[in-house]
Amino acid sequence: MMANAWGEFNSTANPRLTFVVIQIAISIKIIFYIYGGKKFFSKPIFSHRPLRILEVVVFAYSAHYFYTQHHQHLISLLQAVTAIGLFYLFFSERKSFQKQFIQINEQGILLPAVDQMKPLLWSSIDNLRIRNDYISINTKENRFIQYENGTPFSETELDKMNAWCFQQIAATNNPTSQQS
């Protein structure tokens, strides 16, 4: 945003001061927030949301300004892509600050992803091992997936979970054994 303001101020004989002032004011506000504002907010998840919307609005304004006033299509496109990226960040940032959990149920394993939980069915799992520090999954597509386990379990709980998971894998790999 500072570069937008500086470029506008130096490129034309009569720069639009409203554009320059908006760009400089918002960039200074963001810089102050980055270096000191986080200390004043107890929940950074919620304090980022208004800031992201403000950034989206300013970059959308910049894209419109460069497209209509200077006819610089590439710069306008870059500003619009930045606004779209920040808009996506507005929705995904809340999810990225939350703790990620793996959920194991009868259908399979739900793995954490940015926008939603990603299902991994038992029929696509070749091997699985749950330990106190991590969970390791080998898929039939020859992928190795590993997640850190933040919850300590006792040895008997680990043995029960591993046995149940092996039973689910065996039942989906051999459906006739499930009926007997």
C-alpha atoms as a PDB file:
ATOM      1  CA  MET A   1       0.000   0.000   0.000  1.00  0.00           C
ATOM      2  CA  MET A   2       2.915   2.310   0.725  1.00  0.00           C
ATOM      3  CA  ALA A   3       4.313   1.463  -2.706  1.00  0.00           C
ATOM      4  CA  ASN A   4       0.941   2.318  -4.277  1.00  0.00           C
ATOM      5  CA  ALA A   5       0.941   5.701  -2.545  1.00  0.00           C
ATOM      6  CA  TRP A   6       4.578   6.406  -3.391  1.00  0.00           C
ATOM      7  CA  GLY A   7       4.089   5.421  -7.032  1.00  0.00           C
ATOM      8  CA  GLU A   8       1.002   7.604  -7.349  1.00  0.00           C
ATOM      9  CA  PHE A   9       2.699  10.538  -5.658  1.00  0.00           C
ATOM     10  CA  ASN A  10       5.780  10.385  -7.898  1.00  0.00           C
ATOM     11  CA  SER A  11       4.239   9.306 -11.214  1.00  0.00           C
ATOM     12  CA  THR A  12       1.835  12.143 -11.890  1.00  0.00           C
ATOM     13  CA  ALA A  13       2.066  15.893 -11.710  1.00  0.00           C
ATOM     14  CA  ASN A  14      -1.241  16.122  -9.836  1.00  0.00           C
ATOM     15  CA  PRO A  15      -1.602  13.012  -7.672  1.00  0.00           C
ATOM     16  CA  ARG A  16      -4.985  12.218  -6.192  1.00  0.00           C
ATOM     17  CA  LEU A  17      -4.329  12.951  -2.559  1.00  0.00           C
ATOM     18  CA  THR A  18      -7.329  10.990  -1.328  1.00  0.00           C
ATOM     19  CA  PHE A  19      -5.838   7.827  -2.820  1.00  0.00           C
ATOM     20  CA  VAL A  20      -2.398   8.596  -1.363  1.00  0.00           C
ATOM     21  CA  VAL A  21      -3.742   9.436   2.099  1.00  0.00           C
ATOM     22  CA  ILE A  22      -5.938   6.320   2.253  1.00  0.00           C
ATOM     23  CA  GLN A  23      -3.057   4.063   1.218  1.00  0.00           C
ATOM     24  CA  ILE A  24      -0.617   5.591   3.716  1.00  0.00           C
ATOM     25  CA  ALA A  25      -3.119   5.730   6.598  1.00  0.00           C
ATOM     26  CA  ILE A  26      -4.208   2.111   6.253  1.00  0.00           C
ATOM     27  CA  SER A  27      -0.648   0.833   5.823  1.00  0.00           C
ATOM     28  CA  ILE A  28       0.482   2.719   8.965  1.00  0.00           C
ATOM     29  CA  LYS A  29      -2.498   1.287  10.859  1.00  0.00           C
ATOM     30  CA  ILE A  30      -1.533  -2.242   9.755  1.00  0.00           C
ATOM     31  CA  ILE A  31       2.126  -1.703  10.678  1.00  0.00           C
ATOM     32  CA  PHE A  32       1.147  -0.464  14.162  1.00  0.00           C
ATOM     33  CA  TYR A  33      -1.172  -3.413  14.600  1.00  0.00           C
ATOM     34  CA  ILE A  34       1.530  -5.890  13.568  1.00  0.00           C
ATOM     35  CA  TYR A  35       4.141  -4.496  15.942  1.00  0.00           C
ATOM     36  CA  GLY A  36       2.036  -3.458  18.913  1.00  0.00           C
ATOM     37  CA  GLY A  37      -1.682  -3.984  18.482  1.00  0.00           C
ATOM     38  CA  LYS A  38      -1.639  -7.701  19.144  1.00  0.00           C
ATOM     39  CA  LYS A  39      -0.693  -7.007  22.756  1.00  0.00           C
ATOM     40  CA  PHE A  40      -3.891  -5.034  23.337  1.00  0.00           C
ATOM     41  CA  PHE A  41      -6.269  -7.714  22.065  1.00  0.00           C
ATOM     42  CA  SER A  42      -6.827 -10.761  24.246  1.00  0.00           C
ATOM     43  CA  LYS A  43      -8.298 -12.801  21.393  1.00  0.00           C
ATOM     44  CA  PRO A  44      -6.270 -12.290  18.198  1.00  0.00           C
ATOM     45  CA  ILE A  45      -8.713 -14.436  16.238  1.00  0.00           C
ATOM     46  CA  PHE A  46     -11.427 -11.783  16.396  1.00  0.00           C
ATOM     47  CA  SER A  47      -9.149  -8.767  16.099  1.00  0.00           C
ATOM     48  CA  HIS A  48      -7.842  -9.914  12.725  1.00  0.00           C
ATOM     49  CA  ARG A  49     -11.249  -9.999  11.066  1.00  0.00           C
ATOM     50  CA  PRO A  50     -11.896  -6.218  10.868  1.00  0.00           C
ATOM     51  CA  LEU A  51      -8.306  -5.690   9.779  1.00  0.00           C
ATOM     52  CA  ARG A  52      -8.667  -8.225   6.948  1.00  0.00           C
ATOM     53  CA  ILE A  53     -11.883  -6.625   5.718  1.00  0.00           C
ATOM     54  CA  LEU A  54     -10.213  -3.218   5.777  1.00  0.00           C
ATOM     55  CA  GLU A  55      -7.303  -4.600   3.737  1.00  0.00           C
ATOM     56  CA  VAL A  56      -9.693  -6.204   1.234  1.00  0.00           C
ATOM     57  CA  VAL A  57     -11.562  -2.926   0.776  1.00  0.00           C
ATOM     58  CA  VAL A  58      -8.341  -0.930   0.301  1.00  0.00           C
ATOM     59  CA  PHE A  59      -6.879  -3.376  -2.239  1.00  0.00           C
ATOM     60  CA  ALA A  60     -10.188  -3.518  -4.123  1.00  0.00           C
ATOM     61  CA  TYR A  61     -10.207   0.286  -4.162  1.00  0.00           C
ATOM     62  CA  SER A  62      -6.618   0.264  -5.448  1.00  0.00           C
ATOM     63  CA  ALA A  63      -7.501  -2.223  -8.187  1.00  0.00           C
ATOM     64  CA  HIS A  64     -10.409  -0.043  -9.269  1.00  0.00           C
ATOM     65  CA  TYR A  65      -8.286   3.095  -9.110  1.00  0.00           C
ATOM     66  CA  PHE A  66      -5.432   1.721 -11.219  1.00  0.00           C
ATOM     67  CA  TYR A  67      -7.861   0.268 -13.740  1.00  0.00           C
ATOM     68  CA  THR A  68     -10.004   3.383 -14.217  1.00  0.00           C
ATOM     69  CA  GLN A  69      -7.561   6.260 -13.632  1.00  0.00           C
ATOM     70  CA  HIS A  70      -4.259   4.990 -15.023  1.00  0.00           C
ATOM     71  CA  HIS A  71      -5.394   2.088 -17.233  1.00  0.00           C
ATOM     72  CA  GLN A  72      -2.685  -0.117 -15.765  1.00  0.00           C
ATOM     73  CA  HIS A  73      -4.335  -3.478 -16.157  1.00  0.00           C
ATOM     74  CA  LEU A  74      -1.530  -5.645 -14.772  1.00  0.00           C
ATOM     75  CA  ILE A  75      -1.179  -3.612 -11.575  1.00  0.00           C
ATOM     76  CA  SER A  76      -4.956  -3.576 -11.237  1.00  0.00           C
ATOM     77  CA  LEU A  77      -5.061  -7.349 -11.657  1.00  0.00           C
ATOM     78  CA  LEU A  78      -2.365  -7.838  -9.004  1.00  0.00           C
ATOM     79  CA  GLN A  79      -4.270  -5.621  -6.589  1.00  0.00           C
ATOM     80  CA  ALA A  80      -7.473  -7.581  -7.253  1.00  0.00           C
ATOM     81  CA  VAL A  81      -5.716 -10.927  -6.722  1.00  0.00           C
ATOM     82  CA  THR A  82      -4.322  -9.622  -3.437  1.00  0.00           C
ATOM     83  CA  ALA A  83      -7.830  -8.542  -2.377  1.00  0.00           C
ATOM     84  CA  ILE A  84      -9.213 -11.978  -3.239  1.00  0.00           C
ATOM     85  CA  GLY A  85      -6.413 -13.675  -1.298  1.00  0.00           C
ATOM     86  CA  LEU A  86      -7.055 -11.507   1.738  1.00  0.00           C
ATOM     87  CA  PHE A  87     -10.769 -12.211   1.459  1.00  0.00           C
ATOM     88  CA  TYR A  88     -10.021 -15.955   1.511  1.00  0.00           C
ATOM     89  CA  LEU A  89      -7.740 -15.359   4.489  1.00  0.00           C
ATOM     90  CA  PHE A  90     -10.637 -13.588   6.221  1.00  0.00           C
ATOM     91  CA  PHE A  91     -12.555 -16.885   6.245  1.00  0.00           C
ATOM     92  CA  SER A  92      -9.675 -19.328   6.730  1.00  0.00           C
ATOM     93  CA  GLU A  93      -7.708 -17.453   9.393  1.00  0.00           C
ATOM     94  CA  ARG A  94     -10.160 -18.332  12.145  1.00  0.00           C
ATOM     95  CA  LYS A  95      -9.748 -22.008  11.294  1.00  0.00           C
ATOM     96  CA  SER A  96      -5.952 -21.827  11.188  1.00  0.00           C
ATOM     97  CA  PHE A  97      -5.739 -20.481  14.766  1.00  0.00           C
ATOM     98  CA  GLN A  98      -7.830 -23.326  16.146  1.00  0.00           C
ATOM     99  CA  LYS A  99      -6.355 -26.607  17.309  1.00  0.00           C
ATOM    100  CA  GLN A 100      -6.679 -29.308  14.709  1.00  0.00           C
ATOM    101  CA  PHE A 101      -8.218 -32.613  15.779  1.00  0.00           C
ATOM    102  CA  ILE A 102      -8.349 -35.969  14.063  1.00  0.00           C
ATOM    103  CA  GLN A 103     -11.681 -37.716  14.378  1.00  0.00           C
ATOM    104  CA  ILE A 104     -11.963 -41.495  14.085  1.00  0.00           C
ATOM    105  CA  ASN A 105     -15.385 -43.045  13.521  1.00  0.00           C
ATOM    106  CA  GLU A 106     -17.059 -46.041  11.817  1.00  0.00           C
ATOM    107  CA  GLN A 107     -16.783 -44.511   8.326  1.00  0.00           C
ATOM    108  CA  GLY A 108     -13.098 -43.644   8.559  1.00  0.00           C
ATOM    109  CA  ILE A 109     -10.796 -40.891   9.735  1.00  0.00           C
ATOM    110  CA  LEU A 110     -11.544 -37.194   9.401  1.00  0.00           C
ATOM    111  CA  LEU A 111      -8.295 -35.311   8.819  1.00  0.00           C
ATOM    112  CA  PRO A 112      -7.978 -31.591   9.510  1.00  0.00           C
ATOM    113  CA  ALA A 113      -7.903 -29.278   6.501  1.00  0.00           C
ATOM    114  CA  VAL A 114      -8.081 -25.512   6.043  1.00  0.00           C
ATOM    115  CA  ASP A 115     -11.728 -25.192   5.098  1.00  0.00           C
ATOM    116  CA  GLN A 116     -13.294 -28.458   6.307  1.00  0.00           C
ATOM    117  CA  MET A 117     -12.476 -31.907   7.612  1.00  0.00           C
ATOM    118  CA  LYS A 118     -11.183 -34.221   4.889  1.00  0.00           C
ATOM    119  CA  PRO A 119     -12.528 -37.790   5.124  1.00  0.00           C
ATOM    120  CA  LEU A 120     -10.235 -40.779   4.704  1.00  0.00           C
ATOM    121  CA  LEU A 121     -12.315 -43.957   4.406  1.00  0.00           C
ATOM    122  CA  TRP A 122     -11.262 -47.210   6.031  1.00  0.00           C
ATOM    123  CA  SER A 123     -11.255 -48.871   2.610  1.00  0.00           C
ATOM    124  CA  SER A 124      -8.401 -46.595   1.487  1.00  0.00           C
ATOM    125  CA  ILE A 125      -6.221 -47.237   4.558  1.00  0.00           C
ATOM    126  CA  ASP A 126      -3.597 -49.963   4.387  1.00  0.00           C
ATOM    127  CA  ASN A 127      -2.081 -49.611   7.861  1.00  0.00           C
ATOM    128  CA  LEU A 128      -2.513 -47.351  10.876  1.00  0.00           C
ATOM    129  CA  ARG A 129      -0.667 -46.905  14.152  1.00  0.00           C
ATOM    130  CA  ILE A 130      -1.664 -44.654  17.049  1.00  0.00           C
ATOM    131  CA  ARG A 131       1.032 -43.799  19.559  1.00  0.00           C
ATOM    132  CA  ASN A 132       1.264 -41.278  22.387  1.00  0.00           C
ATOM    133  CA  ASP A 133       3.196 -38.755  20.304  1.00  0.00           C
ATOM    134  CA  TYR A 134       1.771 -39.245  16.799  1.00  0.00           C
ATOM    135  CA  ILE A 135      -0.625 -41.139  14.542  1.00  0.00           C
ATOM    136  CA  SER A 136       0.752 -42.707  11.351  1.00  0.00           C
ATOM    137  CA  ILE A 137      -1.432 -43.706   8.418  1.00  0.00           C
ATOM    138  CA  ASN A 138      -0.363 -45.637   5.326  1.00  0.00           C
ATOM    139  CA  THR A 139      -2.873 -45.514   2.492  1.00  0.00           C
ATOM    140  CA  LYS A 140      -3.375 -47.945  -0.365  1.00  0.00           C
ATOM    141  CA  GLU A 141      -2.321 -45.171  -2.771  1.00  0.00           C
ATOM    142  CA  ASN A 142       1.127 -45.413  -1.150  1.00  0.00           C
ATOM    143  CA  ARG A 143       0.792 -42.157   0.797  1.00  0.00           C
ATOM    144  CA  PHE A 144       2.172 -41.750   4.288  1.00  0.00           C
ATOM    145  CA  ILE A 145       0.244 -39.349   6.541  1.00  0.00           C
ATOM    146  CA  GLN A 146       1.415 -38.449  10.009  1.00  0.00           C
ATOM    147  CA  TYR A 147      -0.098 -36.107  12.594  1.00  0.00           C
ATOM    148  CA  GLU A 148       1.112 -35.139  16.017  1.00  0.00           C
ATOM    149  CA  ASN A 149      -0.991 -36.455  18.864  1.00  0.00           C
ATOM    150  CA  GLY A 150      -1.447 -33.834  21.552  1.00  0.00           C
ATOM    151  CA  THR A 151      -3.488 -36.044  23.886  1.00  0.00           C
ATOM    152  CA  PRO A 152      -1.605 -38.533  26.062  1.00  0.00           C
ATOM    153  CA  PHE A 153      -3.268 -41.928  26.342  1.00  0.00           C
ATOM    154  CA  SER A 154      -2.604 -44.866  28.625  1.00  0.00           C
ATOM    155  CA  GLU A 155      -1.187 -48.063  27.152  1.00  0.00           C
ATOM    156  CA  THR A 156      -4.526 -49.862  27.490  1.00  0.00           C
ATOM    157  CA  GLU A 157      -6.356 -47.026  25.689  1.00  0.00           C
ATOM    158  CA  LEU A 158      -3.787 -47.085  22.889  1.00  0.00           C
ATOM    159  CA  ASP A 159      -4.119 -50.867  22.571  1.00  0.00           C
ATOM    160  CA  LYS A 160      -7.922 -50.617  22.434  1.00  0.00           C
ATOM    161  CA  MET A 161      -7.858 -47.828  19.825  1.00  0.00           C
ATOM    162  CA  ASN A 162      -5.314 -49.620  17.648  1.00  0.00           C
ATOM    163  CA  ALA A 163      -7.247 -52.904  17.883  1.00  0.00           C
ATOM    164  CA  TRP A 164     -10.513 -51.166  16.961  1.00  0.00           C
ATOM    165  CA  CYS A 165      -8.843 -49.420  13.990  1.00  0.00           C
ATOM    166  CA  PHE A 166      -7.286 -52.691  12.761  1.00  0.00           C
ATOM    167  CA  GLN A 167     -10.714 -54.308  13.061  1.00  0.00           C
ATOM    168  CA  GLN A 168     -12.260 -51.536  10.922  1.00  0.00           C
ATOM    169  CA  ILE A 169      -9.503 -51.864   8.303  1.00  0.00           C
ATOM    170  CA  ALA A 170      -9.885 -55.649   8.208  1.00  0.00           C
ATOM    171  CA  ALA A 171     -13.685 -55.412   7.934  1.00  0.00           C
ATOM    172  CA  THR A 172     -13.512 -53.102   4.895  1.00  0.00           C
ATOM    173  CA  ASN A 173     -10.761 -55.118   3.217  1.00  0.00           C
ATOM    174  CA  ASN A 174     -12.564 -58.428   3.741  1.00  0.00           C
ATOM    175  CA  PRO A 175     -16.344 -57.830   3.762  1.00  0.00           C
ATOM    176  CA  THR A 176     -17.156 -61.553   4.163  1.00  0.00           C
ATOM    177  CA  SER A 177     -15.519 -61.659   7.599  1.00  0.00           C
ATOM    178  CA  GLN A 178     -17.856 -58.879   8.734  1.00  0.00           C
ATOM    179  CA  GLN A 179     -20.943 -61.040   8.131  1.00  0.00           C
ATOM    180  CA  SER A 180     -19.720 -64.092  10.046  1.00  0.00           C
END
